[in-house]
């Protein structure tokens, strides 16, 4: 994957799991939602491409986690 600063903080890498049948090496685990496996395009563009601040799920989770939220 890419530099840690460019990855979404809610991205959880999958390691050594032969049963993980999705075409991406990680899944999204936000505190306000269940597990989400992004498409390859979304994974590359938002999750590891440095644009996770544009993701609606990221925005919703950060609003929940903010002191004012």
PDB file of N, CA and C in Angstrom:
ATOM      1  N   UNK A   1       0.842  -1.179   0.000  1.00  0.00           N
ATOM      2  CA  UNK A   1       0.000   0.000   0.000  1.00  0.00           C
ATOM      3  C   UNK A   1       0.884   1.238   0.000  1.00  0.00           C
ATOM      4  N   UNK A   2       0.277   2.374   0.123  1.00  0.00           N
ATOM      5  CA  UNK A   2       1.028   3.619   0.014  1.00  0.00           C
ATOM      6  C   UNK A   2       1.482   4.111   1.381  1.00  0.00           C
ATOM      7  N   UNK A   3       2.077   5.266   1.395  1.00  0.00           N
ATOM      8  CA  UNK A   3       2.535   5.914   2.624  1.00  0.00           C
ATOM      9  C   UNK A   3       1.382   5.986   3.624  1.00  0.00           C
ATOM     10  N   UNK A   4       1.671   5.743   4.891  1.00  0.00           N
ATOM     11  CA  UNK A   4       0.638   5.708   5.929  1.00  0.00           C
ATOM     12  C   UNK A   4      -0.153   7.016   5.998  1.00  0.00           C
ATOM     13  N   UNK A   5       0.464   8.154   5.756  1.00  0.00           N
ATOM     14  CA  UNK A   5      -0.237   9.433   5.832  1.00  0.00           C
ATOM     15  C   UNK A   5      -1.269   9.610   4.724  1.00  0.00           C
ATOM     16  N   UNK A   6      -1.121   8.885   3.635  1.00  0.00           N
ATOM     17  CA  UNK A   6      -2.053   8.999   2.523  1.00  0.00           C
ATOM     18  C   UNK A   6      -3.238   8.059   2.667  1.00  0.00           C
ATOM     19  N   UNK A   7      -3.141   7.063   3.526  1.00  0.00           N
ATOM     20  CA  UNK A   7      -4.220   6.084   3.689  1.00  0.00           C
ATOM     21  C   UNK A   7      -5.280   6.604   4.646  1.00  0.00           C
ATOM     22  N   UNK A   8      -6.485   6.171   4.422  1.00  0.00           N
ATOM     23  CA  UNK A   8      -7.583   6.498   5.332  1.00  0.00           C
ATOM     24  C   UNK A   8      -7.299   5.854   6.689  1.00  0.00           C
ATOM     25  N   UNK A   9      -7.544   6.568   7.784  1.00  0.00           N
ATOM     26  CA  UNK A   9      -7.273   5.992   9.107  1.00  0.00           C
ATOM     27  C   UNK A   9      -8.219   4.852   9.483  1.00  0.00           C
ATOM     28  N   UNK A  10      -9.316   4.677   8.750  1.00  0.00           N
ATOM     29  CA  UNK A  10     -10.264   3.606   9.042  1.00  0.00           C
ATOM     30  C   UNK A  10     -10.003   2.357   8.207  1.00  0.00           C
ATOM     31  N   UNK A  11      -8.936   2.371   7.430  1.00  0.00           N
ATOM     32  CA  UNK A  11      -8.592   1.248   6.574  1.00  0.00           C
ATOM     33  C   UNK A  11      -7.858   0.184   7.398  1.00  0.00           C
ATOM     34  N   UNK A  12      -8.341  -1.044   7.312  1.00  0.00           N
ATOM     35  CA  UNK A  12      -7.753  -2.159   8.058  1.00  0.00           C
ATOM     36  C   UNK A  12      -7.196  -3.162   7.048  1.00  0.00           C
ATOM     37  N   UNK A  13      -5.874  -3.362   7.040  1.00  0.00           N
ATOM     38  CA  UNK A  13      -5.304  -4.315   6.083  1.00  0.00           C
ATOM     39  C   UNK A  13      -5.674  -5.756   6.425  1.00  0.00           C
ATOM     40  N   UNK A  14      -5.855  -6.549   5.408  1.00  0.00           N
ATOM     41  CA  UNK A  14      -6.118  -7.982   5.570  1.00  0.00           C
ATOM     42  C   UNK A  14      -4.792  -8.693   5.362  1.00  0.00           C
ATOM     43  N   UNK A  15      -4.393  -9.481   6.338  1.00  0.00           N
ATOM     44  CA  UNK A  15      -3.119 -10.189   6.227  1.00  0.00           C
ATOM     45  C   UNK A  15      -3.339 -11.679   6.404  1.00  0.00           C
ATOM     46  N   UNK A  16      -2.760 -12.444   5.507  1.00  0.00           N
ATOM     47  CA  UNK A  16      -2.738 -13.912   5.585  1.00  0.00           C
ATOM     48  C   UNK A  16      -4.119 -14.524   5.756  1.00  0.00           C
ATOM     49  N   UNK A  17      -5.103 -13.992   5.079  1.00  0.00           N
ATOM     50  CA  UNK A  17      -6.446 -14.568   5.140  1.00  0.00           C
ATOM     51  C   UNK A  17      -6.808 -15.076   3.753  1.00  0.00           C
ATOM     52  N   UNK A  18      -6.745 -16.352   3.578  1.00  0.00           N
ATOM     53  CA  UNK A  18      -7.027 -16.950   2.277  1.00  0.00           C
ATOM     54  C   UNK A  18      -8.523 -16.969   1.973  1.00  0.00           C
ATOM     55  N   UNK A  19      -9.347 -16.677   2.955  1.00  0.00           N
ATOM     56  CA  UNK A  19     -10.791 -16.674   2.741  1.00  0.00           C
ATOM     57  C   UNK A  19     -11.328 -15.294   2.351  1.00  0.00           C
ATOM     58  N   UNK A  20     -10.483 -14.278   2.383  1.00  0.00           N
ATOM     59  CA  UNK A  20     -10.909 -12.936   1.993  1.00  0.00           C
ATOM     60  C   UNK A  20     -11.021 -12.922   0.476  1.00  0.00           C
ATOM     61  N   UNK A  21     -12.229 -12.916  -0.037  1.00  0.00           N
ATOM     62  CA  UNK A  21     -12.464 -13.114  -1.471  1.00  0.00           C
ATOM     63  C   UNK A  21     -12.610 -11.817  -2.251  1.00  0.00           C
ATOM     64  N   UNK A  22     -12.388 -10.698  -1.628  1.00  0.00           N
ATOM     65  CA  UNK A  22     -12.556  -9.414  -2.301  1.00  0.00           C
ATOM     66  C   UNK A  22     -11.251  -9.003  -2.980  1.00  0.00           C
ATOM     67  N   UNK A  23     -11.343  -8.211  -4.058  1.00  0.00           N
ATOM     68  CA  UNK A  23     -10.140  -7.878  -4.836  1.00  0.00           C
ATOM     69  C   UNK A  23      -9.299  -6.731  -4.279  1.00  0.00           C
ATOM     70  N   UNK A  24      -9.536  -6.328  -3.057  1.00  0.00           N
ATOM     71  CA  UNK A  24      -8.727  -5.277  -2.429  1.00  0.00           C
ATOM     72  C   UNK A  24      -8.088  -5.845  -1.160  1.00  0.00           C
ATOM     73  N   UNK A  25      -6.905  -5.356  -0.770  1.00  0.00           N
ATOM     74  CA  UNK A  25      -6.186  -5.940   0.366  1.00  0.00           C
ATOM     75  C   UNK A  25      -6.569  -5.351   1.728  1.00  0.00           C
ATOM     76  N   UNK A  26      -7.715  -4.677   1.811  1.00  0.00           N
ATOM     77  CA  UNK A  26      -8.110  -4.066   3.076  1.00  0.00           C
ATOM     78  C   UNK A  26      -9.613  -3.817   3.081  1.00  0.00           C
ATOM     79  N   UNK A  27     -10.135  -3.488   4.260  1.00  0.00           N
ATOM     80  CA  UNK A  27     -11.542  -3.121   4.372  1.00  0.00           C
ATOM     81  C   UNK A  27     -11.663  -1.895   5.256  1.00  0.00           C
ATOM     82  N   UNK A  28     -12.814  -1.262   5.205  1.00  0.00           N
ATOM     83  CA  UNK A  28     -13.074  -0.046   5.975  1.00  0.00           C
ATOM     84  C   UNK A  28     -13.817  -0.430   7.253  1.00  0.00           C
ATOM     85  N   UNK A  29     -13.321   0.023   8.387  1.00  0.00           N
ATOM     86  CA  UNK A  29     -13.971  -0.251   9.673  1.00  0.00           C
ATOM     87  C   UNK A  29     -14.099   1.053  10.426  1.00  0.00           C
ATOM     88  N   UNK A  30     -15.246   1.715  10.245  1.00  0.00           N
ATOM     89  CA  UNK A  30     -15.498   2.985  10.928  1.00  0.00           C
ATOM     90  C   UNK A  30     -16.187   2.722  12.254  1.00  0.00           C
ATOM     91  N   UNK A  31     -16.035   3.624  13.223  1.00  0.00           N
ATOM     92  CA  UNK A  31     -16.663   3.410  14.536  1.00  0.00           C
ATOM     93  C   UNK A  31     -18.181   3.535  14.497  1.00  0.00           C
ATOM     94  N   UNK A  32     -18.729   4.161  13.466  1.00  0.00           N
ATOM     95  CA  UNK A  32     -20.165   4.385  13.385  1.00  0.00           C
ATOM     96  C   UNK A  32     -20.871   3.471  12.393  1.00  0.00           C
ATOM     97  N   UNK A  33     -20.166   2.487  11.846  1.00  0.00           N
ATOM     98  CA  UNK A  33     -20.757   1.632  10.815  1.00  0.00           C
ATOM     99  C   UNK A  33     -20.127   0.252  10.847  1.00  0.00           C
ATOM    100  N   UNK A  34     -20.727  -0.645  10.100  1.00  0.00           N
ATOM    101  CA  UNK A  34     -20.184  -1.987   9.987  1.00  0.00           C
ATOM    102  C   UNK A  34     -19.004  -2.034   9.028  1.00  0.00           C
ATOM    103  N   UNK A  35     -18.533  -3.212   8.787  1.00  0.00           N
ATOM    104  CA  UNK A  35     -17.420  -3.405   7.869  1.00  0.00           C
ATOM    105  C   UNK A  35     -17.885  -3.111   6.449  1.00  0.00           C
ATOM    106  N   UNK A  36     -17.033  -2.421   5.703  1.00  0.00           N
ATOM    107  CA  UNK A  36     -17.328  -2.082   4.314  1.00  0.00           C
ATOM    108  C   UNK A  36     -16.109  -2.428   3.463  1.00  0.00           C
ATOM    109  N   UNK A  37     -16.340  -3.136   2.362  1.00  0.00           N
ATOM    110  CA  UNK A  37     -15.257  -3.455   1.428  1.00  0.00           C
ATOM    111  C   UNK A  37     -15.468  -2.586   0.194  1.00  0.00           C
ATOM    112  N   UNK A  38     -14.555  -1.640  -0.047  1.00  0.00           N
ATOM    113  CA  UNK A  38     -14.717  -0.749  -1.189  1.00  0.00           C
ATOM    114  C   UNK A  38     -14.391  -1.449  -2.515  1.00  0.00           C
ATOM    115  N   UNK A  39     -14.895  -0.874  -3.582  1.00  0.00           N
ATOM    116  CA  UNK A  39     -14.521  -1.374  -4.908  1.00  0.00           C
ATOM    117  C   UNK A  39     -13.048  -1.055  -5.151  1.00  0.00           C
ATOM    118  N   UNK A  40     -12.473  -1.681  -6.147  1.00  0.00           N
ATOM    119  CA  UNK A  40     -11.071  -1.434  -6.473  1.00  0.00           C
ATOM    120  C   UNK A  40     -10.864   0.036  -6.816  1.00  0.00           C
ATOM    121  N   UNK A  41     -11.769   0.595  -7.613  1.00  0.00           N
ATOM    122  CA  UNK A  41     -11.645   1.999  -8.027  1.00  0.00           C
ATOM    123  C   UNK A  41     -11.704   2.925  -6.816  1.00  0.00           C
ATOM    124  N   UNK A  42     -12.669   2.700  -5.931  1.00  0.00           N
ATOM    125  CA  UNK A  42     -12.795   3.549  -4.741  1.00  0.00           C
ATOM    126  C   UNK A  42     -11.607   3.357  -3.805  1.00  0.00           C
ATOM    127  N   UNK A  43     -11.157   2.131  -3.666  1.00  0.00           N
ATOM    128  CA  UNK A  43     -10.001   1.836  -2.821  1.00  0.00           C
ATOM    129  C   UNK A  43      -8.780   2.627  -3.282  1.00  0.00           C
ATOM    130  N   UNK A  44      -8.509   2.584  -4.591  1.00  0.00           N
ATOM    131  CA  UNK A  44      -7.340   3.269  -5.135  1.00  0.00           C
ATOM    132  C   UNK A  44      -7.484   4.786  -5.077  1.00  0.00           C
ATOM    133  N   UNK A  45      -8.669   5.294  -5.343  1.00  0.00           N
ATOM    134  CA  UNK A  45      -8.872   6.745  -5.412  1.00  0.00           C
ATOM    135  C   UNK A  45      -9.008   7.370  -4.026  1.00  0.00           C
ATOM    136  N   UNK A  46      -9.832   6.791  -3.174  1.00  0.00           N
ATOM    137  CA  UNK A  46     -10.115   7.414  -1.876  1.00  0.00           C
ATOM    138  C   UNK A  46      -9.306   6.828  -0.718  1.00  0.00           C
ATOM    139  N   UNK A  47      -9.302   5.523  -0.601  1.00  0.00           N
ATOM    140  CA  UNK A  47      -8.731   4.884   0.590  1.00  0.00           C
ATOM    141  C   UNK A  47      -7.213   5.009   0.689  1.00  0.00           C
ATOM    142  N   UNK A  48      -6.521   4.804  -0.414  1.00  0.00           N
ATOM    143  CA  UNK A  48      -5.062   4.877  -0.368  1.00  0.00           C
ATOM    144  C   UNK A  48      -4.501   5.990  -1.242  1.00  0.00           C
ATOM    145  N   UNK A  49      -5.342   6.688  -1.963  1.00  0.00           N
ATOM    146  CA  UNK A  49      -4.877   7.730  -2.873  1.00  0.00           C
ATOM    147  C   UNK A  49      -4.729   9.093  -2.244  1.00  0.00           C
ATOM    148  N   UNK A  50      -4.984   9.203  -0.961  1.00  0.00           N
ATOM    149  CA  UNK A  50      -4.826  10.489  -0.282  1.00  0.00           C
ATOM    150  C   UNK A  50      -6.051  11.370  -0.324  1.00  0.00           C
ATOM    151  N   UNK A  51      -7.147  10.885  -0.898  1.00  0.00           N
ATOM    152  CA  UNK A  51      -8.355  11.704  -1.015  1.00  0.00           C
ATOM    153  C   UNK A  51      -9.464  11.224  -0.078  1.00  0.00           C
ATOM    154  N   UNK A  52      -9.100  10.544   1.007  1.00  0.00           N
ATOM    155  CA  UNK A  52     -10.119   9.990   1.896  1.00  0.00           C
ATOM    156  C   UNK A  52     -10.990  11.064   2.545  1.00  0.00           C
ATOM    157  N   UNK A  53     -10.537  12.305   2.600  1.00  0.00           N
ATOM    158  CA  UNK A  53     -11.360  13.382   3.160  1.00  0.00           C
ATOM    159  C   UNK A  53     -12.583  13.668   2.285  1.00  0.00           C
ATOM    160  N   UNK A  54     -12.588  13.156   1.061  1.00  0.00           N
ATOM    161  CA  UNK A  54     -13.731  13.311   0.161  1.00  0.00           C
ATOM    162  C   UNK A  54     -14.740  12.176   0.302  1.00  0.00           C
ATOM    163  N   UNK A  55     -14.409  11.152   1.048  1.00  0.00           N
ATOM    164  CA  UNK A  55     -15.282   9.993   1.217  1.00  0.00           C
ATOM    165  C   UNK A  55     -16.429  10.346   2.169  1.00  0.00           C
ATOM    166  N   UNK A  56     -17.682  10.106   1.764  1.00  0.00           N
ATOM    167  CA  UNK A  56     -18.814  10.413   2.649  1.00  0.00           C
ATOM    168  C   UNK A  56     -18.753   9.663   3.981  1.00  0.00           C
ATOM    169  N   UNK A  57     -18.266   8.432   3.964  1.00  0.00           N
ATOM    170  CA  UNK A  57     -18.136   7.658   5.199  1.00  0.00           C
ATOM    171  C   UNK A  57     -17.102   8.247   6.135  1.00  0.00           C
ATOM    172  N   UNK A  58     -15.991   8.692   5.588  1.00  0.00           N
ATOM    173  CA  UNK A  58     -14.943   9.326   6.391  1.00  0.00           C
ATOM    174  C   UNK A  58     -15.480  10.610   7.028  1.00  0.00           C
ATOM    175  N   UNK A  59     -16.174  11.410   6.242  1.00  0.00           N
ATOM    176  CA  UNK A  59     -16.729  12.678   6.737  1.00  0.00           C
ATOM    177  C   UNK A  59     -17.728  12.397   7.865  1.00  0.00           C
ATOM    178  N   UNK A  60     -18.591  11.437   7.684  1.00  0.00           N
ATOM    179  CA  UNK A  60     -19.591  11.105   8.713  1.00  0.00           C
ATOM    180  C   UNK A  60     -18.924  10.622  10.004  1.00  0.00           C
ATOM    181  N   UNK A  61     -17.908   9.773   9.862  1.00  0.00           N
ATOM    182  CA  UNK A  61     -17.204   9.268  11.047  1.00  0.00           C
ATOM    183  C   UNK A  61     -16.462  10.377  11.773  1.00  0.00           C
ATOM    184  N   UNK A  62     -15.835  11.263  11.024  1.00  0.00           N
ATOM    185  CA  UNK A  62     -15.093  12.363  11.661  1.00  0.00           C
ATOM    186  C   UNK A  62     -16.036  13.336  12.358  1.00  0.00           C
ATOM    187  N   UNK A  63     -17.222  13.555  11.812  1.00  0.00           N
ATOM    188  CA  UNK A  63     -18.215  14.399  12.487  1.00  0.00           C
ATOM    189  C   UNK A  63     -18.649  13.752  13.801  1.00  0.00           C
ATOM    190  N   UNK A  64     -18.812  12.442  13.777  1.00  0.00           N
ATOM    191  CA  UNK A  64     -19.189  11.718  14.994  1.00  0.00           C
ATOM    192  C   UNK A  64     -18.097  11.790  16.049  1.00  0.00           C
ATOM    193  N   UNK A  65     -16.840  11.701  15.613  1.00  0.00           N
ATOM    194  CA  UNK A  65     -15.714  11.687  16.539  1.00  0.00           C
ATOM    195  C   UNK A  65     -15.257  13.066  16.991  1.00  0.00           C
ATOM    196  N   UNK A  66     -15.747  14.118  16.332  1.00  0.00           N
ATOM    197  CA  UNK A  66     -15.308  15.473  16.703  1.00  0.00           C
ATOM    198  C   UNK A  66     -15.878  15.849  18.060  1.00  0.00           C
ATOM    199  N   UNK A  67     -15.175  16.676  18.826  1.00  0.00           N
ATOM    200  CA  UNK A  67     -15.659  17.074  20.151  1.00  0.00           C
ATOM    201  C   UNK A  67     -17.010  17.774  20.111  1.00  0.00           C
ATOM    202  N   UNK A  68     -17.304  18.487  19.048  1.00  0.00           N
ATOM    203  CA  UNK A  68     -18.587  19.186  18.928  1.00  0.00           C
ATOM    204  C   UNK A  68     -19.698  18.257  18.468  1.00  0.00           C
ATOM    205  N   UNK A  69     -19.313  17.097  17.893  1.00  0.00           N
ATOM    206  CA  UNK A  69     -20.310  16.192  17.304  1.00  0.00           C
ATOM    207  C   UNK A  69     -20.934  15.321  18.292  1.00  0.00           C
TER     208      UNK A  69
END
